[in-house]
PDB file of all heavy atoms in Angstrom:
ATOM      1  N   VAL A   1     -19.646   2.095   3.920  1.00  0.00           N
ATOM      2  CA  VAL A   1     -18.281   2.317   4.407  1.00  0.00           C
ATOM      3  C   VAL A   1     -17.349   2.251   3.209  1.00  0.00           C
ATOM      4  O   VAL A   1     -16.938   1.172   2.777  1.00  0.00           O
ATOM      5  CB  VAL A   1     -17.879   1.260   5.453  1.00  0.00           C
ATOM      6  CG1 VAL A   1     -16.520   1.613   6.068  1.00  0.00           C
ATOM      7  CG2 VAL A   1     -18.945   1.138   6.530  1.00  0.00           C
ATOM      8  N   VAL A   2     -17.002   3.421   2.646  1.00  0.00           N
ATOM      9  CA  VAL A   2     -16.210   3.428   1.419  1.00  0.00           C
ATOM     10  C   VAL A   2     -15.009   4.380   1.491  1.00  0.00           C
ATOM     11  O   VAL A   2     -14.430   4.703   0.460  1.00  0.00           O
ATOM     12  CB  VAL A   2     -17.086   3.761   0.185  1.00  0.00           C
ATOM     13  CG1 VAL A   2     -18.013   2.589  -0.134  1.00  0.00           C
ATOM     14  CG2 VAL A   2     -17.875   5.048   0.387  1.00  0.00           C
ATOM     15  N   ASN A   3     -14.644   4.813   2.698  1.00  0.00           N
ATOM     16  CA  ASN A   3     -13.345   5.474   2.841  1.00  0.00           C
ATOM     17  C   ASN A   3     -12.242   4.429   2.833  1.00  0.00           C
ATOM     18  O   ASN A   3     -11.119   4.700   2.414  1.00  0.00           O
ATOM     19  CB  ASN A   3     -13.281   6.263   4.147  1.00  0.00           C
ATOM     20  CG  ASN A   3     -11.912   6.848   4.405  1.00  0.00           C
ATOM     21  OD1 ASN A   3     -11.496   7.789   3.743  1.00  0.00           O
ATOM     22  ND2 ASN A   3     -11.184   6.272   5.354  1.00  0.00           N
ATOM     23  N   HIS A   4     -12.592   3.236   3.284  1.00  0.00           N
ATOM     24  CA  HIS A   4     -11.620   2.167   3.416  1.00  0.00           C
ATOM     25  C   HIS A   4     -12.318   0.828   3.249  1.00  0.00           C
ATOM     26  O   HIS A   4     -13.544   0.737   3.293  1.00  0.00           O
ATOM     27  CB  HIS A   4     -10.922   2.230   4.773  1.00  0.00           C
ATOM     28  CG  HIS A   4     -11.878   2.406   5.919  1.00  0.00           C
ATOM     29  ND1 HIS A   4     -12.199   3.648   6.438  1.00  0.00           N
ATOM     30  CD2 HIS A   4     -12.620   1.526   6.637  1.00  0.00           C
ATOM     31  CE1 HIS A   4     -13.079   3.515   7.420  1.00  0.00           C
ATOM     32  NE2 HIS A   4     -13.349   2.231   7.563  1.00  0.00           N
ATOM     33  N   THR A   5     -11.550  -0.215   3.055  1.00  0.00           N
ATOM     34  CA  THR A   5     -12.064  -1.590   3.033  1.00  0.00           C
ATOM     35  C   THR A   5     -11.308  -2.392   4.089  1.00  0.00           C
ATOM     36  O   THR A   5     -10.498  -1.857   4.843  1.00  0.00           O
ATOM     37  CB  THR A   5     -11.846  -2.257   1.662  1.00  0.00           C
ATOM     38  OG1 THR A   5     -10.438  -2.490   1.464  1.00  0.00           O
ATOM     39  CG2 THR A   5     -12.399  -1.405   0.525  1.00  0.00           C
ATOM     40  N   SER A   6     -11.569  -3.682   4.108  1.00  0.00           N
ATOM     41  CA  SER A   6     -10.741  -4.615   4.875  1.00  0.00           C
ATOM     42  C   SER A   6      -9.518  -5.008   4.038  1.00  0.00           C
ATOM     43  O   SER A   6      -9.553  -4.953   2.809  1.00  0.00           O
ATOM     44  CB  SER A   6     -11.552  -5.863   5.215  1.00  0.00           C
ATOM     45  OG  SER A   6     -10.704  -6.916   5.647  1.00  0.00           O
ATOM     46  N   THR A   7      -8.464  -5.408   4.724  1.00  0.00           N
ATOM     47  CA  THR A   7      -7.323  -5.978   4.001  1.00  0.00           C
ATOM     48  C   THR A   7      -7.705  -7.286   3.320  1.00  0.00           C
ATOM     49  O   THR A   7      -6.991  -7.751   2.422  1.00  0.00           O
ATOM     50  CB  THR A   7      -6.142  -6.240   4.957  1.00  0.00           C
ATOM     51  OG1 THR A   7      -6.613  -7.003   6.078  1.00  0.00           O
ATOM     52  CG2 THR A   7      -5.521  -4.945   5.446  1.00  0.00           C
ATOM     53  N   GLU A   8      -8.845  -7.871   3.725  1.00  0.00           N
ATOM     54  CA  GLU A   8      -9.306  -9.119   3.118  1.00  0.00           C
ATOM     55  C   GLU A   8     -10.153  -8.894   1.864  1.00  0.00           C
ATOM     56  O   GLU A   8     -10.557  -9.861   1.216  1.00  0.00           O
ATOM     57  CB  GLU A   8     -10.116  -9.925   4.145  1.00  0.00           C
ATOM     58  CG  GLU A   8      -9.329 -10.351   5.365  1.00  0.00           C
ATOM     59  CD  GLU A   8      -8.107 -11.182   4.999  1.00  0.00           C
ATOM     60  OE1 GLU A   8      -8.275 -12.145   4.217  1.00  0.00           O
ATOM     61  OE2 GLU A   8      -6.988 -10.841   5.441  1.00  0.00           O
ATOM     62  N   HIS A   9     -10.429  -7.660   1.527  1.00  0.00           N
ATOM     63  CA  HIS A   9     -11.205  -7.388   0.313  1.00  0.00           C
ATOM     64  C   HIS A   9     -10.365  -7.739  -0.918  1.00  0.00           C
ATOM     65  O   HIS A   9      -9.152  -7.522  -0.942  1.00  0.00           O
ATOM     66  CB  HIS A   9     -11.617  -5.912   0.261  1.00  0.00           C
ATOM     67  CG  HIS A   9     -12.717  -5.625  -0.705  1.00  0.00           C
ATOM     68  ND1 HIS A   9     -12.530  -5.652  -2.068  1.00  0.00           N
ATOM     69  CD2 HIS A   9     -14.028  -5.317  -0.515  1.00  0.00           C
ATOM     70  CE1 HIS A   9     -13.674  -5.367  -2.677  1.00  0.00           C
ATOM     71  NE2 HIS A   9     -14.594  -5.167  -1.744  1.00  0.00           N
ATOM     72  N   GLU A  10     -11.015  -8.275  -1.944  1.00  0.00           N
ATOM     73  CA  GLU A  10     -10.302  -8.670  -3.148  1.00  0.00           C
ATOM     74  C   GLU A  10      -9.580  -7.497  -3.798  1.00  0.00           C
ATOM     75  O   GLU A  10      -8.511  -7.667  -4.387  1.00  0.00           O
ATOM     76  CB  GLU A  10     -11.253  -9.327  -4.150  1.00  0.00           C
ATOM     77  CG  GLU A  10     -11.727 -10.710  -3.733  1.00  0.00           C
ATOM     78  CD  GLU A  10     -10.574 -11.688  -3.527  1.00  0.00           C
ATOM     79  OE1 GLU A  10      -9.619 -11.669  -4.338  1.00  0.00           O
ATOM     80  OE2 GLU A  10     -10.613 -12.458  -2.546  1.00  0.00           O
ATOM     81  N   TRP A  11     -10.156  -6.305  -3.701  1.00  0.00           N
ATOM     82  CA  TRP A  11      -9.481  -5.138  -4.273  1.00  0.00           C
ATOM     83  C   TRP A  11      -8.120  -4.932  -3.629  1.00  0.00           C
ATOM     84  O   TRP A  11      -7.128  -4.661  -4.308  1.00  0.00           O
ATOM     85  CB  TRP A  11     -10.324  -3.872  -4.078  1.00  0.00           C
ATOM     86  CG  TRP A  11     -11.641  -3.855  -4.787  1.00  0.00           C
ATOM     87  CD1 TRP A  11     -12.079  -4.713  -5.748  1.00  0.00           C
ATOM     88  CD2 TRP A  11     -12.696  -2.911  -4.568  1.00  0.00           C
ATOM     89  NE1 TRP A  11     -13.342  -4.374  -6.153  1.00  0.00           N
ATOM     90  CE2 TRP A  11     -13.742  -3.271  -5.451  1.00  0.00           C
ATOM     91  CE3 TRP A  11     -12.865  -1.812  -3.740  1.00  0.00           C
ATOM     92  CZ2 TRP A  11     -14.951  -2.557  -5.502  1.00  0.00           C
ATOM     93  CZ3 TRP A  11     -14.044  -1.087  -3.789  1.00  0.00           C
ATOM     94  CH2 TRP A  11     -15.079  -1.466  -4.671  1.00  0.00           C
ATOM     95  N   PHE A  12      -8.067  -5.035  -2.301  1.00  0.00           N
ATOM     96  CA  PHE A  12      -6.791  -4.807  -1.624  1.00  0.00           C
ATOM     97  C   PHE A  12      -5.830  -5.972  -1.860  1.00  0.00           C
ATOM     98  O   PHE A  12      -4.614  -5.764  -1.990  1.00  0.00           O
ATOM     99  CB  PHE A  12      -6.994  -4.585  -0.128  1.00  0.00           C
ATOM    100  CG  PHE A  12      -5.716  -4.167   0.564  1.00  0.00           C
ATOM    101  CD1 PHE A  12      -5.214  -2.892   0.388  1.00  0.00           C
ATOM    102  CD2 PHE A  12      -5.018  -5.057   1.378  1.00  0.00           C
ATOM    103  CE1 PHE A  12      -4.031  -2.492   1.007  1.00  0.00           C
ATOM    104  CE2 PHE A  12      -3.841  -4.675   1.999  1.00  0.00           C
ATOM    105  CZ  PHE A  12      -3.334  -3.394   1.815  1.00  0.00           C
ATOM    106  N   LYS A  13      -6.351  -7.171  -1.909  1.00  0.00           N
ATOM    107  CA  LYS A  13      -5.473  -8.313  -2.186  1.00  0.00           C
ATOM    108  C   LYS A  13      -4.768  -8.131  -3.522  1.00  0.00           C
ATOM    109  O   LYS A  13      -3.570  -8.421  -3.659  1.00  0.00           O
ATOM    110  CB  LYS A  13      -6.271  -9.613  -2.169  1.00  0.00           C
ATOM    111  CG  LYS A  13      -6.737 -10.040  -0.792  1.00  0.00           C
ATOM    112  CD  LYS A  13      -7.518 -11.342  -0.871  1.00  0.00           C
ATOM    113  CE  LYS A  13      -7.981 -11.814   0.498  1.00  0.00           C
ATOM    114  NZ  LYS A  13      -8.766 -13.069   0.423  1.00  0.00           N
ATOM    115  N   GLU A  14      -5.511  -7.647  -4.524  1.00  0.00           N
ATOM    116  CA  GLU A  14      -4.880  -7.365  -5.813  1.00  0.00           C
ATOM    117  C   GLU A  14      -3.903  -6.206  -5.687  1.00  0.00           C
ATOM    118  O   GLU A  14      -2.796  -6.247  -6.225  1.00  0.00           O
ATOM    119  CB  GLU A  14      -5.944  -7.020  -6.857  1.00  0.00           C
ATOM    120  CG  GLU A  14      -6.767  -8.198  -7.342  1.00  0.00           C
ATOM    121  CD  GLU A  14      -7.618  -7.824  -8.546  1.00  0.00           C
ATOM    122  OE1 GLU A  14      -7.060  -7.264  -9.513  1.00  0.00           O
ATOM    123  OE2 GLU A  14      -8.839  -8.077  -8.514  1.00  0.00           O
ATOM    124  N   SER A  15      -4.305  -5.168  -4.989  1.00  0.00           N
ATOM    125  CA  SER A  15      -3.484  -3.973  -4.876  1.00  0.00           C
ATOM    126  C   SER A  15      -2.130  -4.266  -4.241  1.00  0.00           C
ATOM    127  O   SER A  15      -1.103  -3.714  -4.667  1.00  0.00           O
ATOM    128  CB  SER A  15      -4.217  -2.912  -4.052  1.00  0.00           C
ATOM    129  OG  SER A  15      -3.499  -1.708  -3.991  1.00  0.00           O
ATOM    130  N   ARG A  16      -2.101  -5.144  -3.247  1.00  0.00           N
ATOM    131  CA  ARG A  16      -0.850  -5.429  -2.559  1.00  0.00           C
ATOM    132  C   ARG A  16      -0.067  -6.570  -3.211  1.00  0.00           C
ATOM    133  O   ARG A  16       1.044  -6.891  -2.766  1.00  0.00           O
ATOM    134  CB  ARG A  16      -1.122  -5.727  -1.086  1.00  0.00           C
ATOM    135  CG  ARG A  16      -1.585  -7.139  -0.790  1.00  0.00           C
ATOM    136  CD  ARG A  16      -1.995  -7.345   0.656  1.00  0.00           C
ATOM    137  NE  ARG A  16      -1.001  -6.869   1.609  1.00  0.00           N
ATOM    138  CZ  ARG A  16      -1.166  -6.906   2.939  1.00  0.00           C
ATOM    139  NH1 ARG A  16      -2.296  -7.418   3.458  1.00  0.00           N
ATOM    140  NH2 ARG A  16      -0.238  -6.466   3.746  1.00  0.00           N
ATOM    141  N   SER A  17      -0.625  -7.159  -4.271  1.00  0.00           N
ATOM    142  CA  SER A  17       0.038  -8.313  -4.890  1.00  0.00           C
ATOM    143  C   SER A  17       1.312  -7.915  -5.640  1.00  0.00           C
ATOM    144  O   SER A  17       2.267  -8.692  -5.714  1.00  0.00           O
ATOM    145  CB  SER A  17      -0.916  -9.045  -5.841  1.00  0.00           C
ATOM    146  OG  SER A  17      -1.272  -8.203  -6.942  1.00  0.00           O
ATOM    147  N   SER A  18       1.338  -6.699  -6.193  1.00  0.00           N
ATOM    148  CA  SER A  18       2.542  -6.215  -6.876  1.00  0.00           C
ATOM    149  C   SER A  18       2.391  -4.730  -7.141  1.00  0.00           C
ATOM    150  O   SER A  18       1.281  -4.202  -7.204  1.00  0.00           O
ATOM    151  CB  SER A  18       2.781  -6.958  -8.196  1.00  0.00           C
ATOM    152  OG  SER A  18       1.804  -6.599  -9.156  1.00  0.00           O
ATOM    153  N   ARG A  19       3.507  -4.080  -7.362  1.00  0.00           N
ATOM    154  CA  ARG A  19       3.472  -2.643  -7.604  1.00  0.00           C
ATOM    155  C   ARG A  19       2.854  -2.286  -8.957  1.00  0.00           C
ATOM    156  O   ARG A  19       2.420  -1.149  -9.147  1.00  0.00           O
ATOM    157  CB  ARG A  19       4.877  -2.045  -7.520  1.00  0.00           C
ATOM    158  CG  ARG A  19       5.453  -2.016  -6.125  1.00  0.00           C
ATOM    159  CD  ARG A  19       6.602  -1.034  -6.088  1.00  0.00           C
ATOM    160  NE  ARG A  19       7.354  -1.106  -4.831  1.00  0.00           N
ATOM    161  CZ  ARG A  19       8.312  -0.266  -4.487  1.00  0.00           C
ATOM    162  NH1 ARG A  19       8.641   0.721  -5.320  1.00  0.00           N
ATOM    163  NH2 ARG A  19       8.951  -0.389  -3.353  1.00  0.00           N
ATOM    164  N   ASP A  20       2.856  -3.226  -9.893  1.00  0.00           N
ATOM    165  CA  ASP A  20       2.307  -2.925 -11.216  1.00  0.00           C
ATOM    166  C   ASP A  20       0.915  -3.522 -11.433  1.00  0.00           C
ATOM    167  O   ASP A  20       0.403  -3.543 -12.548  1.00  0.00           O
ATOM    168  CB  ASP A  20       3.261  -3.381 -12.326  1.00  0.00           C
ATOM    169  CG  ASP A  20       3.580  -4.884 -12.251  1.00  0.00           C
ATOM    170  OD1 ASP A  20       3.026  -5.571 -11.359  1.00  0.00           O
ATOM    171  OD2 ASP A  20       4.379  -5.351 -13.071  1.00  0.00           O
ATOM    172  N   ASN A  21       0.287  -3.996 -10.366  1.00  0.00           N
ATOM    173  CA  ASN A  21      -1.075  -4.497 -10.506  1.00  0.00           C
ATOM    174  C   ASN A  21      -2.015  -3.353 -10.884  1.00  0.00           C
ATOM    175  O   ASN A  21      -1.864  -2.228 -10.392  1.00  0.00           O
ATOM    176  CB  ASN A  21      -1.529  -5.130  -9.192  1.00  0.00           C
ATOM    177  CG  ASN A  21      -2.899  -5.802  -9.309  1.00  0.00           C
ATOM    178  OD1 ASN A  21      -3.932  -5.129  -9.217  1.00  0.00           O
ATOM    179  ND2 ASN A  21      -2.906  -7.096  -9.528  1.00  0.00           N
ATOM    180  N   PRO A  22      -3.011  -3.598 -11.750  1.00  0.00           N
ATOM    181  CA  PRO A  22      -3.935  -2.522 -12.154  1.00  0.00           C
ATOM    182  C   PRO A  22      -4.662  -1.849 -10.986  1.00  0.00           C
ATOM    183  O   PRO A  22      -5.066  -0.697 -11.103  1.00  0.00           O
ATOM    184  CB  PRO A  22      -4.930  -3.247 -13.074  1.00  0.00           C
ATOM    185  CG  PRO A  22      -4.156  -4.406 -13.622  1.00  0.00           C
ATOM    186  CD  PRO A  22      -3.249  -4.839 -12.511  1.00  0.00           C
ATOM    187  N   LYS A  23      -4.822  -2.560  -9.875  1.00  0.00           N
ATOM    188  CA  LYS A  23      -5.507  -1.975  -8.722  1.00  0.00           C
ATOM    189  C   LYS A  23      -4.541  -1.425  -7.673  1.00  0.00           C
ATOM    190  O   LYS A  23      -4.955  -1.047  -6.582  1.00  0.00           O
ATOM    191  CB  LYS A  23      -6.452  -2.997  -8.079  1.00  0.00           C
ATOM    192  CG  LYS A  23      -7.713  -3.280  -8.897  1.00  0.00           C
ATOM    193  CD  LYS A  23      -8.711  -4.103  -8.113  1.00  0.00           C
ATOM    194  CE  LYS A  23     -10.018  -4.282  -8.876  1.00  0.00           C
ATOM    195  NZ  LYS A  23      -9.865  -5.004 -10.135  1.00  0.00           N
ATOM    196  N   ARG A  24      -3.260  -1.374  -8.004  1.00  0.00           N
ATOM    197  CA  ARG A  24      -2.299  -0.830  -7.044  1.00  0.00           C
ATOM    198  C   ARG A  24      -2.712   0.563  -6.612  1.00  0.00           C
ATOM    199  O   ARG A  24      -2.671   0.912  -5.421  1.00  0.00           O
ATOM    200  CB  ARG A  24      -0.904  -0.786  -7.673  1.00  0.00           C
ATOM    201  CG  ARG A  24       0.198  -0.252  -6.741  1.00  0.00           C
ATOM    202  CD  ARG A  24       0.447  -1.206  -5.595  1.00  0.00           C
ATOM    203  NE  ARG A  24       1.645  -0.831  -4.820  1.00  0.00           N
ATOM    204  CZ  ARG A  24       2.120  -1.539  -3.813  1.00  0.00           C
ATOM    205  NH1 ARG A  24       1.507  -2.654  -3.421  1.00  0.00           N
ATOM    206  NH2 ARG A  24       3.204  -1.153  -3.170  1.00  0.00           N
ATOM    207  N   ASP A  25      -3.149   1.381  -7.563  1.00  0.00           N
ATOM    208  CA  ASP A  25      -3.482   2.774  -7.282  1.00  0.00           C
ATOM    209  C   ASP A  25      -4.889   2.937  -6.707  1.00  0.00           C
ATOM    210  O   ASP A  25      -5.349   4.054  -6.507  1.00  0.00           O
ATOM    211  CB  ASP A  25      -3.338   3.610  -8.565  1.00  0.00           C
ATOM    212  CG  ASP A  25      -3.335   5.093  -8.283  1.00  0.00           C
ATOM    213  OD1 ASP A  25      -2.691   5.502  -7.305  1.00  0.00           O
ATOM    214  OD2 ASP A  25      -3.994   5.850  -9.021  1.00  0.00           O
ATOM    215  N   TRP A  26      -5.580   1.838  -6.432  1.00  0.00           N
ATOM    216  CA  TRP A  26      -6.897   1.933  -5.779  1.00  0.00           C
ATOM    217  C   TRP A  26      -6.746   2.193  -4.281  1.00  0.00           C
ATOM    218  O   TRP A  26      -7.728   2.516  -3.608  1.00  0.00           O
ATOM    219  CB  TRP A  26      -7.705   0.666  -6.017  1.00  0.00           C
ATOM    220  CG  TRP A  26      -8.282   0.570  -7.412  1.00  0.00           C
ATOM    221  CD1 TRP A  26      -7.744   1.073  -8.557  1.00  0.00           C
ATOM    222  CD2 TRP A  26      -9.500  -0.056  -7.780  1.00  0.00           C
ATOM    223  NE1 TRP A  26      -8.557   0.792  -9.629  1.00  0.00           N
ATOM    224  CE2 TRP A  26      -9.646   0.087  -9.180  1.00  0.00           C
ATOM    225  CE3 TRP A  26     -10.479  -0.752  -7.084  1.00  0.00           C
ATOM    226  CZ2 TRP A  26     -10.743  -0.414  -9.886  1.00  0.00           C
ATOM    227  CZ3 TRP A  26     -11.573  -1.264  -7.774  1.00  0.00           C
ATOM    228  CH2 TRP A  26     -11.701  -1.090  -9.157  1.00  0.00           C
ATOM    229  N   TYR A  27      -5.528   2.031  -3.785  1.00  0.00           N
ATOM    230  CA  TYR A  27      -5.220   2.336  -2.383  1.00  0.00           C
ATOM    231  C   TYR A  27      -4.043   3.302  -2.375  1.00  0.00           C
ATOM    232  O   TYR A  27      -3.511   3.655  -3.435  1.00  0.00           O
ATOM    233  CB  TYR A  27      -4.917   1.052  -1.597  1.00  0.00           C
ATOM    234  CG  TYR A  27      -6.128   0.146  -1.483  1.00  0.00           C
ATOM    235  CD1 TYR A  27      -6.484  -0.715  -2.520  1.00  0.00           C
ATOM    236  CD2 TYR A  27      -6.949   0.164  -0.355  1.00  0.00           C
ATOM    237  CE1 TYR A  27      -7.614  -1.516  -2.434  1.00  0.00           C
ATOM    238  CE2 TYR A  27      -8.071  -0.633  -0.257  1.00  0.00           C
ATOM    239  CZ  TYR A  27      -8.411  -1.474  -1.297  1.00  0.00           C
ATOM    240  OH  TYR A  27      -9.526  -2.258  -1.209  1.00  0.00           O
ATOM    241  N   ILE A  28      -3.648   3.757  -1.213  1.00  0.00           N
ATOM    242  CA  ILE A  28      -2.632   4.809  -1.119  1.00  0.00           C
ATOM    243  C   ILE A  28      -1.335   4.202  -0.610  1.00  0.00           C
ATOM    244  O   ILE A  28      -1.207   3.855   0.576  1.00  0.00           O
ATOM    245  CB  ILE A  28      -3.125   5.940  -0.206  1.00  0.00           C
ATOM    246  CG1 ILE A  28      -4.407   6.553  -0.794  1.00  0.00           C
ATOM    247  CG2 ILE A  28      -2.036   7.010  -0.043  1.00  0.00           C
ATOM    248  CD1 ILE A  28      -5.121   7.518   0.125  1.00  0.00           C
ATOM    249  N   TRP A  29      -0.384   4.053  -1.515  1.00  0.00           N
ATOM    250  CA  TRP A  29       0.910   3.447  -1.221  1.00  0.00           C
ATOM    251  C   TRP A  29       2.012   4.501  -1.310  1.00  0.00           C
ATOM    252  O   TRP A  29       2.017   5.328  -2.221  1.00  0.00           O
ATOM    253  CB  TRP A  29       1.208   2.329  -2.215  1.00  0.00           C
ATOM    254  CG  TRP A  29       0.270   1.155  -2.138  1.00  0.00           C
ATOM    255  CD1 TRP A  29      -0.891   0.988  -2.818  1.00  0.00           C
ATOM    256  CD2 TRP A  29       0.433   0.008  -1.326  1.00  0.00           C
ATOM    257  NE1 TRP A  29      -1.473  -0.212  -2.484  1.00  0.00           N
ATOM    258  CE2 TRP A  29      -0.680  -0.843  -1.561  1.00  0.00           C
ATOM    259  CE3 TRP A  29       1.411  -0.408  -0.410  1.00  0.00           C
ATOM    260  CZ2 TRP A  29      -0.844  -2.072  -0.937  1.00  0.00           C
ATOM    261  CZ3 TRP A  29       1.256  -1.637   0.222  1.00  0.00           C
ATOM    262  CH2 TRP A  29       0.132  -2.446  -0.042  1.00  0.00           C
ATOM    263  N   LYS A  30       2.954   4.471  -0.391  1.00  0.00           N
ATOM    264  CA  LYS A  30       4.052   5.425  -0.385  1.00  0.00           C
ATOM    265  C   LYS A  30       5.343   4.729   0.054  1.00  0.00           C
ATOM    266  O   LYS A  30       5.327   3.768   0.842  1.00  0.00           O
ATOM    267  CB  LYS A  30       3.765   6.589   0.580  1.00  0.00           C
ATOM    268  CG  LYS A  30       2.564   7.439   0.193  1.00  0.00           C
ATOM    269  CD  LYS A  30       2.793   8.205  -1.111  1.00  0.00           C
ATOM    270  CE  LYS A  30       1.554   8.943  -1.552  1.00  0.00           C
ATOM    271  NZ  LYS A  30       1.745   9.594  -2.879  1.00  0.00           N
ATOM    272  N   PRO A  31       6.488   5.245  -0.427  1.00  0.00           N
ATOM    273  CA  PRO A  31       7.773   4.659  -0.012  1.00  0.00           C
ATOM    274  C   PRO A  31       8.133   5.054   1.407  1.00  0.00           C
ATOM    275  O   PRO A  31       7.614   6.032   1.963  1.00  0.00           O
ATOM    276  CB  PRO A  31       8.755   5.256  -1.023  1.00  0.00           C
ATOM    277  CG  PRO A  31       8.133   6.553  -1.435  1.00  0.00           C
ATOM    278  CD  PRO A  31       6.647   6.300  -1.436  1.00  0.00           C
ATOM    279  N   ALA A  32       9.047   4.325   1.968  1.00  0.00           N
ATOM    280  CA  ALA A  32       9.538   4.619   3.313  1.00  0.00           C
ATOM    281  C   ALA A  32      10.446   5.841   3.294  1.00  0.00           C
ATOM    282  O   ALA A  32      10.960   6.247   2.255  1.00  0.00           O
ATOM    283  CB  ALA A  32      10.296   3.424   3.864  1.00  0.00           C
ATOM    284  N   ARG A  33      10.625   6.421   4.464  1.00  0.00           N
ATOM    285  CA  ARG A  33      11.660   7.423   4.681  1.00  0.00           C
ATOM    286  C   ARG A  33      12.755   6.762   5.525  1.00  0.00           C
ATOM    287  O   ARG A  33      12.450   5.937   6.397  1.00  0.00           O
ATOM    288  CB  ARG A  33      11.106   8.652   5.404  1.00  0.00           C
ATOM    289  CG  ARG A  33      10.059   9.406   4.620  1.00  0.00           C
ATOM    290  CD  ARG A  33       9.685  10.699   5.325  1.00  0.00           C
ATOM    291  NE  ARG A  33       9.063  10.486   6.630  1.00  0.00           N
ATOM    292  CZ  ARG A  33       8.612  11.472   7.411  1.00  0.00           C
ATOM    293  NH1 ARG A  33       8.737  12.728   7.033  1.00  0.00           N
ATOM    294  NH2 ARG A  33       8.047  11.198   8.580  1.00  0.00           N
ATOM    295  N   TYR A  34      14.003   7.170   5.292  1.00  0.00           N
ATOM    296  CA  TYR A  34      15.117   6.603   6.063  1.00  0.00           C
ATOM    297  C   TYR A  34      15.908   7.737   6.708  1.00  0.00           C
ATOM    298  O   TYR A  34      16.151   8.782   6.084  1.00  0.00           O
ATOM    299  CB  TYR A  34      16.028   5.767   5.163  1.00  0.00           C
ATOM    300  CG  TYR A  34      15.351   4.504   4.672  1.00  0.00           C
ATOM    301  CD1 TYR A  34      14.613   4.516   3.498  1.00  0.00           C
ATOM    302  CD2 TYR A  34      15.438   3.320   5.393  1.00  0.00           C
ATOM    303  CE1 TYR A  34      13.975   3.365   3.044  1.00  0.00           C
ATOM    304  CE2 TYR A  34      14.802   2.162   4.951  1.00  0.00           C
ATOM    305  CZ  TYR A  34      14.075   2.190   3.778  1.00  0.00           C
ATOM    306  OH  TYR A  34      13.440   1.048   3.336  1.00  0.00           O
ATOM    307  N   ASP A  35      16.283   7.539   7.967  1.00  0.00           N
ATOM    308  CA  ASP A  35      17.070   8.570   8.637  1.00  0.00           C
ATOM    309  C   ASP A  35      18.557   8.378   8.334  1.00  0.00           C
ATOM    310  O   ASP A  35      18.950   7.488   7.567  1.00  0.00           O
ATOM    311  CB  ASP A  35      16.784   8.590  10.136  1.00  0.00           C
ATOM    312  CG  ASP A  35      17.139   7.280  10.835  1.00  0.00           C
ATOM    313  OD1 ASP A  35      17.985   6.527  10.314  1.00  0.00           O
ATOM    314  OD2 ASP A  35      16.566   7.017  11.919  1.00  0.00           O
ATOM    315  N   GLU A  36      19.395   9.208   8.944  1.00  0.00           N
ATOM    316  CA  GLU A  36      20.827   9.158   8.638  1.00  0.00           C
ATOM    317  C   GLU A  36      21.473   7.847   9.065  1.00  0.00           C
ATOM    318  O   GLU A  36      22.558   7.487   8.588  1.00  0.00           O
ATOM    319  CB  GLU A  36      21.545  10.336   9.316  1.00  0.00           C
ATOM    320  CG  GLU A  36      21.427  10.395  10.822  1.00  0.00           C
ATOM    321  CD  GLU A  36      20.168  11.134  11.286  1.00  0.00           C
ATOM    322  OE1 GLU A  36      19.259  11.353  10.469  1.00  0.00           O
ATOM    323  OE2 GLU A  36      20.110  11.470  12.497  1.00  0.00           O
ATOM    324  N   ASP A  37      20.779   7.091   9.960  1.00  0.00           N
ATOM    325  CA  ASP A  37      21.302   5.787  10.377  1.00  0.00           C
ATOM    326  C   ASP A  37      20.728   4.646   9.554  1.00  0.00           C
ATOM    327  O   ASP A  37      20.974   3.468   9.858  1.00  0.00           O
ATOM    328  CB  ASP A  37      20.988   5.556  11.854  1.00  0.00           C
ATOM    329  CG  ASP A  37      21.664   6.578  12.758  1.00  0.00           C
ATOM    330  OD1 ASP A  37      22.831   6.932  12.472  1.00  0.00           O
ATOM    331  OD2 ASP A  37      21.030   7.030  13.731  1.00  0.00           O
ATOM    332  N   GLY A  38      19.946   5.003   8.529  1.00  0.00           N
ATOM    333  CA  GLY A  38      19.376   3.978   7.660  1.00  0.00           C
ATOM    334  C   GLY A  38      18.164   3.288   8.238  1.00  0.00           C
ATOM    335  O   GLY A  38      17.735   2.253   7.724  1.00  0.00           O
ATOM    336  N   ILE A  39      17.595   3.849   9.323  1.00  0.00           N
ATOM    337  CA  ILE A  39      16.417   3.244   9.956  1.00  0.00           C
ATOM    338  C   ILE A  39      15.166   3.682   9.195  1.00  0.00           C
ATOM    339  O   ILE A  39      14.995   4.867   8.879  1.00  0.00           O
ATOM    340  CB  ILE A  39      16.323   3.643  11.432  1.00  0.00           C
ATOM    341  CG1 ILE A  39      17.544   3.102  12.186  1.00  0.00           C
ATOM    342  CG2 ILE A  39      15.024   3.125  12.057  1.00  0.00           C
ATOM    343  CD1 ILE A  39      17.619   3.556  13.628  1.00  0.00           C
ATOM    344  N   ARG A  40      14.316   2.725   8.900  1.00  0.00           N
ATOM    345  CA  ARG A  40      13.101   2.991   8.111  1.00  0.00           C
ATOM    346  C   ARG A  40      12.032   3.668   8.969  1.00  0.00           C
ATOM    347  O   ARG A  40      11.811   3.288  10.121  1.00  0.00           O
ATOM    348  CB  ARG A  40      12.550   1.675   7.550  1.00  0.00           C
ATOM    349  CG  ARG A  40      11.394   1.844   6.583  1.00  0.00           C
ATOM    350  CD  ARG A  40      10.810   0.510   6.153  1.00  0.00           C
ATOM    351  NE  ARG A  40      10.018  -0.090   7.224  1.00  0.00           N
ATOM    352  CZ  ARG A  40      10.181  -1.315   7.685  1.00  0.00           C
ATOM    353  NH1 ARG A  40      11.129  -2.095   7.182  1.00  0.00           N
ATOM    354  NH2 ARG A  40       9.416  -1.780   8.661  1.00  0.00           N
ATOM    355  N   HIS A  41      11.330   4.647   8.381  1.00  0.00           N
ATOM    356  CA  HIS A  41      10.233   5.341   9.049  1.00  0.00           C
ATOM    357  C   HIS A  41       9.052   5.478   8.088  1.00  0.00           C
ATOM    358  O   HIS A  41       9.228   5.467   6.855  1.00  0.00           O
ATOM    359  CB  HIS A  41      10.674   6.738   9.506  1.00  0.00           C
ATOM    360  CG  HIS A  41      11.753   6.726  10.537  1.00  0.00           C
ATOM    361  ND1 HIS A  41      11.502   6.508  11.877  1.00  0.00           N
ATOM    362  CD2 HIS A  41      13.106   6.880  10.412  1.00  0.00           C
ATOM    363  CE1 HIS A  41      12.643   6.534  12.547  1.00  0.00           C
ATOM    364  NE2 HIS A  41      13.634   6.759  11.684  1.00  0.00           N
ATOM    365  N   PRO A  42       7.845   5.630   8.629  1.00  0.00           N
ATOM    366  CA  PRO A  42       6.667   5.822   7.764  1.00  0.00           C
ATOM    367  C   PRO A  42       6.787   7.099   6.939  1.00  0.00           C
ATOM    368  O   PRO A  42       7.569   8.002   7.265  1.00  0.00           O
ATOM    369  CB  PRO A  42       5.508   5.901   8.759  1.00  0.00           C
ATOM    370  CG  PRO A  42       5.999   5.246   9.999  1.00  0.00           C
ATOM    371  CD  PRO A  42       7.470   5.533  10.052  1.00  0.00           C
TER     372      PRO A  42
END
């Protein structure tokens, strides 16, 4: 199973620890979108 891991995997823990972590790019991170009312969307 290598399309994804658990959020408990050490790779993901490092990836989500900061935006400049070396493993940040091992997962797929994207910024939010905001509508005209400032509401956040995926």
